[in-house]
Amino acid sequence: MAVTVPNRFFPGSLTDADDVNENFDTLTAYINSTLETTATHNSDVALLPKGKVAYATTTTATGSITTAVVDLTGLSVTFTALASRYYKITGWVLFQTTVADDSFAVFIRDGSGTQLQQASQHFRLASVTQFVSPVVVIQPGAGSKTYKLSAQRLGGTGTGSTAASATFPSLILVEDIGL
């Protein structure tokens, strides 16, 4: 008795197992000549994202943030970047201020202090937490790299602070997103 299987190469038609076996060599030749001639399997895998490469989280709040740029406590990472790869850096911080109508920004900065990205938030109410989450994609070149989160008051008169806690930790995440 021949087993009939769905034909994945020609949707809507059915092929029995004998037909699949007869055409296996042709199909294998097609895959080898068409799909694998432009790059080897290993180089194809090298193109794929590698995922998390650096991560830091803190449950410690950083306070007394005003007009000066302040590095956020525990939110710095160092890793070895690979040549030609893209990295996505994400920051996530709960933030609050002492007065209404303040504006604050959280920055992603490199080890030398150069600002790579900024996310800002306007606080209509005092003592209410809001999250601020800057994200940037970079291609930094090979070598040891350091990235950190910093914050600053952009407008208003209050004093800001992060609201990191065990329930809502602040974090910085670096992901390799491929070539």
N, C-alpha and C. Protein backbone atom coordinates (compact mmCIF):
# COMPACT_ATOMS: atom_id res chain seq x y z
N MET A 1 0.85 -1.17 0.00
CA MET A 1 0.00 0.00 0.00
C MET A 1 0.90 1.24 0.00
N ALA A 2 0.67 2.12 -0.92
CA ALA A 2 1.44 3.37 -1.01
C ALA A 2 0.87 4.39 -0.04
N VAL A 3 1.77 5.09 0.64
CA VAL A 3 1.35 6.13 1.57
C VAL A 3 1.34 7.45 0.82
N THR A 4 0.25 8.19 0.94
CA THR A 4 0.14 9.48 0.28
C THR A 4 0.46 10.57 1.30
N VAL A 5 1.37 11.47 0.90
CA VAL A 5 1.79 12.56 1.79
C VAL A 5 1.55 13.90 1.10
N PRO A 6 1.30 14.93 1.87
CA PRO A 6 1.16 16.26 1.25
C PRO A 6 2.44 16.63 0.53
N ASN A 7 2.32 17.23 -0.64
CA ASN A 7 3.47 17.63 -1.43
C ASN A 7 3.81 19.06 -1.07
N ARG A 8 4.93 19.28 -0.39
CA ARG A 8 5.33 20.61 0.05
C ARG A 8 5.94 21.42 -1.09
N PHE A 9 6.28 20.77 -2.19
CA PHE A 9 6.90 21.48 -3.30
C PHE A 9 5.87 22.04 -4.27
N PHE A 10 4.71 21.39 -4.33
CA PHE A 10 3.62 21.84 -5.19
C PHE A 10 2.36 21.85 -4.35
N PRO A 11 2.10 22.94 -3.60
CA PRO A 11 0.95 22.99 -2.70
C PRO A 11 -0.35 22.65 -3.42
N GLY A 12 -1.19 21.93 -2.72
CA GLY A 12 -2.48 21.55 -3.27
C GLY A 12 -2.48 20.18 -3.92
N SER A 13 -1.30 19.64 -4.26
CA SER A 13 -1.26 18.32 -4.87
C SER A 13 -0.75 17.31 -3.86
N LEU A 14 -1.05 16.05 -4.07
CA LEU A 14 -0.58 14.99 -3.21
C LEU A 14 0.40 14.12 -3.98
N THR A 15 1.40 13.64 -3.27
CA THR A 15 2.42 12.79 -3.88
C THR A 15 2.53 11.55 -3.01
N ASP A 16 2.65 10.39 -3.65
CA ASP A 16 2.85 9.21 -2.80
C ASP A 16 4.33 9.05 -2.49
N ALA A 17 4.63 8.23 -1.49
CA ALA A 17 5.99 8.08 -1.01
C ALA A 17 6.93 7.58 -2.10
N ASP A 18 6.44 6.74 -3.04
CA ASP A 18 7.28 6.24 -4.12
C ASP A 18 7.74 7.39 -5.02
N ASP A 19 6.84 8.34 -5.31
CA ASP A 19 7.22 9.49 -6.14
C ASP A 19 8.29 10.34 -5.44
N VAL A 20 8.15 10.50 -4.14
CA VAL A 20 9.14 11.27 -3.39
C VAL A 20 10.50 10.59 -3.48
N ASN A 21 10.53 9.28 -3.28
CA ASN A 21 11.79 8.55 -3.35
C ASN A 21 12.42 8.65 -4.73
N GLU A 22 11.60 8.54 -5.80
CA GLU A 22 12.11 8.62 -7.17
C GLU A 22 12.73 9.98 -7.45
N ASN A 23 12.16 11.02 -6.86
CA ASN A 23 12.62 12.38 -7.15
C ASN A 23 13.60 12.92 -6.11
N PHE A 24 13.97 12.09 -5.15
CA PHE A 24 14.85 12.55 -4.08
C PHE A 24 16.19 13.04 -4.62
N ASP A 25 16.77 12.28 -5.56
CA ASP A 25 18.07 12.69 -6.09
C ASP A 25 17.97 14.03 -6.82
N THR A 26 16.91 14.24 -7.57
CA THR A 26 16.71 15.51 -8.27
C THR A 26 16.55 16.66 -7.27
N LEU A 27 15.77 16.40 -6.24
CA LEU A 27 15.55 17.41 -5.22
C LEU A 27 16.85 17.73 -4.49
N THR A 28 17.63 16.73 -4.13
CA THR A 28 18.91 16.94 -3.45
C THR A 28 19.86 17.75 -4.33
N ALA A 29 19.90 17.44 -5.62
CA ALA A 29 20.76 18.18 -6.54
C ALA A 29 20.32 19.65 -6.61
N TYR A 30 19.00 19.88 -6.63
CA TYR A 30 18.48 21.25 -6.66
C TYR A 30 18.91 22.02 -5.41
N ILE A 31 18.73 21.40 -4.25
CA ILE A 31 19.10 22.07 -3.01
C ILE A 31 20.59 22.37 -2.99
N ASN A 32 21.41 21.39 -3.35
CA ASN A 32 22.86 21.60 -3.32
C ASN A 32 23.32 22.64 -4.32
N SER A 33 22.74 22.66 -5.52
CA SER A 33 23.21 23.58 -6.55
C SER A 33 22.63 24.97 -6.40
N THR A 34 21.40 25.08 -5.95
CA THR A 34 20.74 26.37 -5.90
C THR A 34 20.86 27.06 -4.55
N LEU A 35 20.67 26.31 -3.50
CA LEU A 35 20.62 26.93 -2.18
C LEU A 35 21.97 27.03 -1.49
N GLU A 36 22.93 26.21 -1.87
CA GLU A 36 24.18 26.20 -1.14
C GLU A 36 25.39 26.62 -1.97
N THR A 37 25.19 27.12 -3.18
CA THR A 37 26.35 27.49 -3.99
C THR A 37 26.86 28.88 -3.68
N THR A 38 26.02 29.77 -3.19
CA THR A 38 26.46 31.15 -2.94
C THR A 38 27.27 31.28 -1.66
N ALA A 39 27.06 30.40 -0.71
CA ALA A 39 27.80 30.45 0.55
C ALA A 39 27.74 29.08 1.20
N THR A 40 28.74 28.77 1.96
CA THR A 40 28.72 27.51 2.66
C THR A 40 27.78 27.61 3.85
N HIS A 41 27.40 26.47 4.36
CA HIS A 41 26.49 26.44 5.50
C HIS A 41 27.08 27.22 6.68
N ASN A 42 28.37 27.06 6.94
CA ASN A 42 29.00 27.76 8.06
C ASN A 42 28.93 29.27 7.89
N SER A 43 29.11 29.78 6.68
CA SER A 43 29.04 31.22 6.51
C SER A 43 27.61 31.72 6.62
N ASP A 44 26.63 30.88 6.24
CA ASP A 44 25.23 31.26 6.43
C ASP A 44 24.92 31.40 7.91
N VAL A 45 25.40 30.48 8.70
CA VAL A 45 25.17 30.53 10.14
C VAL A 45 25.84 31.76 10.74
N ALA A 46 26.99 32.15 10.23
CA ALA A 46 27.70 33.32 10.74
C ALA A 46 26.92 34.61 10.53
N LEU A 47 26.00 34.62 9.56
CA LEU A 47 25.19 35.80 9.31
C LEU A 47 24.11 36.00 10.36
N LEU A 48 23.73 34.94 11.04
CA LEU A 48 22.60 34.98 11.95
C LEU A 48 22.91 35.76 13.22
N PRO A 49 21.87 36.33 13.85
CA PRO A 49 22.06 37.00 15.13
C PRO A 49 22.57 36.03 16.19
N LYS A 50 23.38 36.53 17.09
CA LYS A 50 23.92 35.69 18.17
C LYS A 50 23.19 35.92 19.49
N GLY A 51 22.32 36.93 19.53
CA GLY A 51 21.54 37.18 20.74
C GLY A 51 22.28 38.02 21.77
N LYS A 52 21.93 37.82 23.04
CA LYS A 52 22.46 38.62 24.14
C LYS A 52 23.98 38.46 24.24
N VAL A 53 24.69 39.59 24.28
CA VAL A 53 26.14 39.56 24.49
C VAL A 53 26.54 40.29 25.78
N ALA A 54 25.68 41.17 26.27
CA ALA A 54 25.96 41.87 27.52
C ALA A 54 24.64 42.32 28.14
N TYR A 55 24.61 42.26 29.47
CA TYR A 55 23.37 42.59 30.18
C TYR A 55 23.71 43.00 31.59
N ALA A 56 23.10 44.07 32.04
CA ALA A 56 23.25 44.48 33.43
C ALA A 56 21.89 44.95 33.93
N THR A 57 21.61 44.61 35.15
CA THR A 57 20.36 45.03 35.76
C THR A 57 20.66 45.49 37.18
N THR A 58 19.83 46.40 37.67
CA THR A 58 20.02 46.87 39.03
C THR A 58 18.67 47.12 39.69
N THR A 59 18.64 46.89 40.98
CA THR A 59 17.47 47.23 41.78
C THR A 59 17.77 48.43 42.67
N THR A 60 18.93 49.04 42.45
CA THR A 60 19.36 50.21 43.22
C THR A 60 19.00 51.49 42.47
N ALA A 61 18.29 52.37 43.13
CA ALA A 61 17.90 53.63 42.51
C ALA A 61 19.08 54.60 42.46
N THR A 62 19.07 55.46 41.45
CA THR A 62 20.02 56.57 41.35
C THR A 62 19.23 57.84 41.58
N GLY A 63 19.65 58.67 42.53
CA GLY A 63 18.92 59.89 42.85
C GLY A 63 19.71 61.14 42.54
N SER A 64 19.13 62.27 42.90
CA SER A 64 19.77 63.60 42.78
C SER A 64 20.15 63.93 41.34
N ILE A 65 19.27 63.61 40.40
CA ILE A 65 19.54 63.91 38.99
C ILE A 65 18.92 65.26 38.66
N THR A 66 19.78 66.20 38.24
CA THR A 66 19.31 67.53 37.84
C THR A 66 19.89 67.85 36.47
N THR A 67 20.49 69.03 36.31
CA THR A 67 20.95 69.46 34.99
C THR A 67 22.25 68.80 34.55
N ALA A 68 23.02 68.23 35.47
CA ALA A 68 24.27 67.55 35.11
C ALA A 68 23.96 66.12 34.67
N VAL A 69 24.72 65.61 33.72
CA VAL A 69 24.56 64.23 33.27
C VAL A 69 25.09 63.31 34.35
N VAL A 70 24.29 62.35 34.76
CA VAL A 70 24.65 61.42 35.83
C VAL A 70 24.61 59.99 35.28
N ASP A 71 25.69 59.23 35.48
CA ASP A 71 25.68 57.81 35.12
C ASP A 71 24.78 57.07 36.09
N LEU A 72 23.93 56.20 35.57
CA LEU A 72 22.99 55.46 36.42
C LEU A 72 23.69 54.26 37.06
N THR A 73 23.47 54.10 38.34
CA THR A 73 24.13 53.07 39.15
C THR A 73 23.90 51.67 38.58
N GLY A 74 25.00 50.95 38.35
CA GLY A 74 24.94 49.55 37.94
C GLY A 74 24.52 49.30 36.51
N LEU A 75 24.45 50.35 35.68
CA LEU A 75 23.96 50.17 34.32
C LEU A 75 25.04 50.47 33.29
N SER A 76 26.13 49.72 33.39
CA SER A 76 27.24 49.79 32.45
C SER A 76 27.64 48.37 32.09
N VAL A 77 27.92 48.14 30.81
CA VAL A 77 28.33 46.81 30.35
C VAL A 77 29.56 46.92 29.47
N THR A 78 30.39 45.89 29.49
CA THR A 78 31.57 45.81 28.63
C THR A 78 31.56 44.43 27.98
N PHE A 79 31.85 44.38 26.69
CA PHE A 79 31.91 43.12 25.96
C PHE A 79 32.88 43.27 24.81
N THR A 80 33.22 42.16 24.16
CA THR A 80 34.11 42.19 23.00
C THR A 80 33.26 42.13 21.74
N ALA A 81 33.24 43.22 21.00
CA ALA A 81 32.48 43.30 19.75
C ALA A 81 33.27 42.63 18.62
N LEU A 82 32.54 42.05 17.69
CA LEU A 82 33.15 41.43 16.52
C LEU A 82 33.03 42.36 15.32
N ALA A 83 34.00 42.32 14.42
CA ALA A 83 34.02 43.20 13.25
C ALA A 83 32.78 42.99 12.40
N SER A 84 32.25 44.06 11.84
CA SER A 84 31.16 44.08 10.87
C SER A 84 29.79 43.68 11.42
N ARG A 85 29.67 43.40 12.70
CA ARG A 85 28.38 42.97 13.24
C ARG A 85 27.61 44.17 13.79
N TYR A 86 26.30 44.04 13.75
CA TYR A 86 25.41 45.07 14.30
C TYR A 86 24.97 44.66 15.70
N TYR A 87 24.87 45.65 16.58
CA TYR A 87 24.46 45.42 17.95
C TYR A 87 23.32 46.37 18.28
N LYS A 88 22.31 45.84 18.95
CA LYS A 88 21.18 46.64 19.42
C LYS A 88 21.34 46.83 20.92
N ILE A 89 21.34 48.09 21.36
CA ILE A 89 21.46 48.40 22.78
C ILE A 89 20.11 48.97 23.24
N THR A 90 19.58 48.38 24.30
CA THR A 90 18.30 48.79 24.85
C THR A 90 18.48 49.14 26.32
N GLY A 91 17.94 50.28 26.70
CA GLY A 91 17.89 50.66 28.11
C GLY A 91 16.44 50.68 28.56
N TRP A 92 16.21 50.36 29.81
CA TRP A 92 14.85 50.41 30.37
C TRP A 92 14.95 50.88 31.81
N VAL A 93 14.33 52.05 32.09
CA VAL A 93 14.46 52.67 33.40
C VAL A 93 13.12 53.25 33.82
N LEU A 94 12.67 52.93 35.04
CA LEU A 94 11.55 53.64 35.64
C LEU A 94 12.10 54.90 36.27
N PHE A 95 11.42 56.01 36.04
CA PHE A 95 11.95 57.31 36.44
C PHE A 95 10.85 58.10 37.13
N GLN A 96 11.24 59.00 38.05
CA GLN A 96 10.28 59.89 38.69
C GLN A 96 10.95 61.21 39.04
N THR A 97 10.15 62.21 39.33
CA THR A 97 10.67 63.53 39.67
C THR A 97 9.91 64.10 40.86
N THR A 98 10.50 65.11 41.47
CA THR A 98 9.92 65.70 42.69
C THR A 98 8.87 66.77 42.42
N VAL A 99 8.82 67.31 41.21
CA VAL A 99 7.82 68.34 40.89
C VAL A 99 7.14 68.03 39.56
N ALA A 100 5.97 68.62 39.37
CA ALA A 100 5.23 68.45 38.12
C ALA A 100 5.88 69.25 37.00
N ASP A 101 5.66 68.81 35.79
CA ASP A 101 6.11 69.48 34.56
C ASP A 101 7.62 69.53 34.40
N ASP A 102 8.30 68.47 34.82
CA ASP A 102 9.72 68.29 34.56
C ASP A 102 9.90 67.43 33.31
N SER A 103 11.05 67.56 32.67
CA SER A 103 11.42 66.69 31.56
C SER A 103 12.79 66.10 31.84
N PHE A 104 12.91 64.80 31.64
CA PHE A 104 14.18 64.11 31.85
C PHE A 104 14.50 63.24 30.64
N ALA A 105 15.77 62.98 30.45
CA ALA A 105 16.22 62.11 29.37
C ALA A 105 17.12 61.03 29.94
N VAL A 106 17.06 59.85 29.33
CA VAL A 106 18.00 58.77 29.61
C VAL A 106 18.79 58.58 28.33
N PHE A 107 20.10 58.52 28.46
CA PHE A 107 21.01 58.41 27.31
C PHE A 107 21.69 57.06 27.29
N ILE A 108 21.98 56.57 26.09
CA ILE A 108 22.92 55.47 25.89
C ILE A 108 24.21 56.15 25.46
N ARG A 109 25.30 55.88 26.20
CA ARG A 109 26.58 56.51 25.91
C ARG A 109 27.65 55.43 25.82
N ASP A 110 28.69 55.72 25.05
CA ASP A 110 29.79 54.76 24.97
C ASP A 110 30.77 55.02 26.11
N GLY A 111 31.84 54.23 26.17
CA GLY A 111 32.80 54.33 27.26
C GLY A 111 33.49 55.67 27.36
N SER A 112 33.58 56.41 26.25
CA SER A 112 34.23 57.72 26.29
C SER A 112 33.23 58.84 26.62
N GLY A 113 31.95 58.48 26.78
CA GLY A 113 30.94 59.48 27.13
C GLY A 113 30.17 60.02 25.95
N THR A 114 30.47 59.56 24.74
CA THR A 114 29.74 60.03 23.57
C THR A 114 28.30 59.51 23.59
N GLN A 115 27.35 60.43 23.42
CA GLN A 115 25.95 60.05 23.42
C GLN A 115 25.58 59.38 22.10
N LEU A 116 24.99 58.19 22.18
CA LEU A 116 24.58 57.44 21.00
C LEU A 116 23.08 57.53 20.75
N GLN A 117 22.31 57.70 21.82
CA GLN A 117 20.85 57.78 21.70
C GLN A 117 20.29 58.40 22.96
N GLN A 118 19.07 58.93 22.83
CA GLN A 118 18.38 59.56 23.95
C GLN A 118 16.91 59.23 23.87
N ALA A 119 16.30 59.00 25.01
CA ALA A 119 14.85 58.90 25.11
C ALA A 119 14.44 59.85 26.23
N SER A 120 13.45 60.68 25.97
CA SER A 120 13.06 61.65 26.99
C SER A 120 11.59 61.47 27.36
N GLN A 121 11.25 62.02 28.51
CA GLN A 121 9.89 61.88 29.04
C GLN A 121 9.52 63.17 29.75
N HIS A 122 8.29 63.62 29.50
CA HIS A 122 7.76 64.78 30.20
C HIS A 122 6.89 64.26 31.35
N PHE A 123 7.12 64.77 32.54
CA PHE A 123 6.40 64.31 33.73
C PHE A 123 5.36 65.36 34.11
N ARG A 124 4.10 65.06 33.86
CA ARG A 124 3.01 65.99 34.18
C ARG A 124 2.76 66.05 35.68
N LEU A 125 3.06 64.95 36.39
CA LEU A 125 2.80 64.88 37.82
C LEU A 125 4.08 64.56 38.58
N ALA A 126 4.17 65.04 39.79
CA ALA A 126 5.30 64.71 40.66
C ALA A 126 5.12 63.32 41.27
N SER A 127 6.23 62.65 41.53
CA SER A 127 6.26 61.36 42.24
C SER A 127 5.48 60.25 41.56
N VAL A 128 5.29 60.35 40.27
CA VAL A 128 4.65 59.28 39.50
C VAL A 128 5.71 58.69 38.58
N THR A 129 5.84 57.37 38.61
CA THR A 129 6.89 56.75 37.79
C THR A 129 6.42 56.56 36.36
N GLN A 130 7.36 56.77 35.44
CA GLN A 130 7.15 56.51 34.02
C GLN A 130 8.41 55.84 33.50
N PHE A 131 8.26 54.98 32.50
CA PHE A 131 9.46 54.34 32.00
C PHE A 131 10.05 55.14 30.85
N VAL A 132 11.36 55.09 30.77
CA VAL A 132 12.12 55.73 29.70
C VAL A 132 13.00 54.65 29.10
N SER A 133 12.94 54.50 27.77
CA SER A 133 13.61 53.35 27.15
C SER A 133 14.31 53.73 25.84
N PRO A 134 15.57 54.17 25.92
CA PRO A 134 16.31 54.45 24.68
C PRO A 134 16.76 53.14 24.01
N VAL A 135 16.79 53.16 22.68
CA VAL A 135 17.24 52.00 21.89
C VAL A 135 18.08 52.53 20.73
N VAL A 136 19.20 51.86 20.44
CA VAL A 136 20.03 52.24 19.31
C VAL A 136 20.63 50.99 18.69
N VAL A 137 20.83 51.04 17.37
CA VAL A 137 21.54 49.97 16.65
C VAL A 137 22.84 50.57 16.15
N ILE A 138 23.95 49.88 16.45
CA ILE A 138 25.27 50.39 16.08
C ILE A 138 26.11 49.28 15.45
N GLN A 139 27.15 49.69 14.77
CA GLN A 139 28.16 48.78 14.23
C GLN A 139 29.52 49.34 14.68
N PRO A 140 29.96 48.96 15.90
CA PRO A 140 31.09 49.66 16.53
C PRO A 140 32.48 49.24 16.07
N GLY A 141 32.61 48.16 15.33
CA GLY A 141 33.94 47.65 15.00
C GLY A 141 34.41 46.68 16.08
N ALA A 142 35.49 45.99 15.78
CA ALA A 142 35.98 44.94 16.68
C ALA A 142 36.69 45.52 17.91
N GLY A 143 36.61 44.77 19.01
CA GLY A 143 37.35 45.12 20.21
C GLY A 143 36.46 45.25 21.43
N SER A 144 37.08 45.59 22.55
CA SER A 144 36.37 45.75 23.80
C SER A 144 35.56 47.05 23.76
N LYS A 145 34.28 46.96 24.10
CA LYS A 145 33.38 48.12 24.06
C LYS A 145 32.64 48.23 25.37
N THR A 146 32.45 49.46 25.83
CA THR A 146 31.68 49.73 27.04
C THR A 146 30.53 50.67 26.69
N TYR A 147 29.36 50.36 27.22
CA TYR A 147 28.17 51.20 27.03
C TYR A 147 27.50 51.36 28.38
N LYS A 148 26.87 52.52 28.58
CA LYS A 148 26.24 52.80 29.86
C LYS A 148 25.01 53.67 29.67
N LEU A 149 24.18 53.69 30.70
CA LEU A 149 23.01 54.57 30.72
C LEU A 149 23.31 55.74 31.64
N SER A 150 22.89 56.93 31.21
CA SER A 150 23.03 58.16 31.98
C SER A 150 21.72 58.90 31.91
N ALA A 151 21.53 59.88 32.79
CA ALA A 151 20.29 60.66 32.79
C ALA A 151 20.60 62.12 33.10
N GLN A 152 19.63 62.98 32.74
CA GLN A 152 19.78 64.42 32.95
C GLN A 152 18.40 65.07 32.90
N ARG A 153 18.22 66.12 33.70
CA ARG A 153 16.99 66.91 33.59
C ARG A 153 17.12 67.83 32.38
N LEU A 154 16.13 67.84 31.53
CA LEU A 154 16.13 68.70 30.34
C LEU A 154 15.39 70.00 30.57
N GLY A 155 14.38 69.97 31.43
CA GLY A 155 13.59 71.16 31.71
C GLY A 155 12.85 71.01 33.01
N GLY A 156 12.57 72.13 33.66
CA GLY A 156 11.87 72.10 34.93
C GLY A 156 12.81 72.40 36.08
N THR A 157 12.30 72.19 37.29
CA THR A 157 13.06 72.57 38.49
C THR A 157 13.24 71.43 39.49
N GLY A 158 12.70 70.29 39.21
CA GLY A 158 12.73 69.20 40.18
C GLY A 158 14.01 68.38 40.14
N THR A 159 14.05 67.41 41.03
CA THR A 159 15.15 66.46 41.11
C THR A 159 14.61 65.10 40.73
N GLY A 160 15.28 64.46 39.78
CA GLY A 160 14.82 63.16 39.31
C GLY A 160 15.56 62.02 39.97
N SER A 161 14.95 60.84 39.87
CA SER A 161 15.60 59.63 40.35
C SER A 161 15.03 58.43 39.62
N THR A 162 15.82 57.38 39.56
CA THR A 162 15.28 56.14 39.01
C THR A 162 14.48 55.47 40.11
N ALA A 163 13.56 54.63 39.73
CA ALA A 163 12.71 53.93 40.70
C ALA A 163 12.94 52.44 40.60
N ALA A 164 14.20 52.05 40.44
CA ALA A 164 14.53 50.63 40.33
C ALA A 164 14.16 49.90 41.61
N SER A 165 13.63 48.69 41.44
CA SER A 165 13.26 47.87 42.59
C SER A 165 13.35 46.40 42.18
N ALA A 166 13.15 45.53 43.14
CA ALA A 166 13.18 44.10 42.84
C ALA A 166 12.07 43.73 41.85
N THR A 167 10.95 44.42 41.92
CA THR A 167 9.84 44.15 41.01
C THR A 167 10.08 44.75 39.63
N PHE A 168 10.70 45.94 39.58
CA PHE A 168 10.93 46.64 38.33
C PHE A 168 12.39 47.08 38.23
N PRO A 169 13.30 46.16 37.97
CA PRO A 169 14.72 46.54 37.88
C PRO A 169 14.99 47.37 36.62
N SER A 170 15.96 48.26 36.71
CA SER A 170 16.44 48.97 35.52
C SER A 170 17.41 48.05 34.81
N LEU A 171 17.57 48.23 33.49
CA LEU A 171 18.47 47.34 32.77
C LEU A 171 19.06 47.99 31.54
N ILE A 172 20.19 47.42 31.13
CA ILE A 172 20.80 47.71 29.83
C ILE A 172 21.11 46.36 29.20
N LEU A 173 20.73 46.21 27.94
CA LEU A 173 20.87 44.95 27.23
C LEU A 173 21.54 45.21 25.89
N VAL A 174 22.59 44.45 25.57
CA VAL A 174 23.24 44.53 24.27
C VAL A 174 23.02 43.19 23.57
N GLU A 175 22.47 43.24 22.34
CA GLU A 175 22.20 42.05 21.56
C GLU A 175 22.92 42.13 20.23
N ASP A 176 23.55 41.03 19.84
CA ASP A 176 24.13 40.90 18.51
C ASP A 176 22.97 40.58 17.57
N ILE A 177 22.71 41.45 16.58
CA ILE A 177 21.58 41.23 15.68
C ILE A 177 22.02 40.79 14.29
N GLY A 178 23.28 40.45 14.12
CA GLY A 178 23.74 39.86 12.87
C GLY A 178 24.57 40.78 12.01
N LEU A 179 24.79 40.33 10.78
CA LEU A 179 25.58 41.11 9.81
C LEU A 179 24.69 41.91 8.91
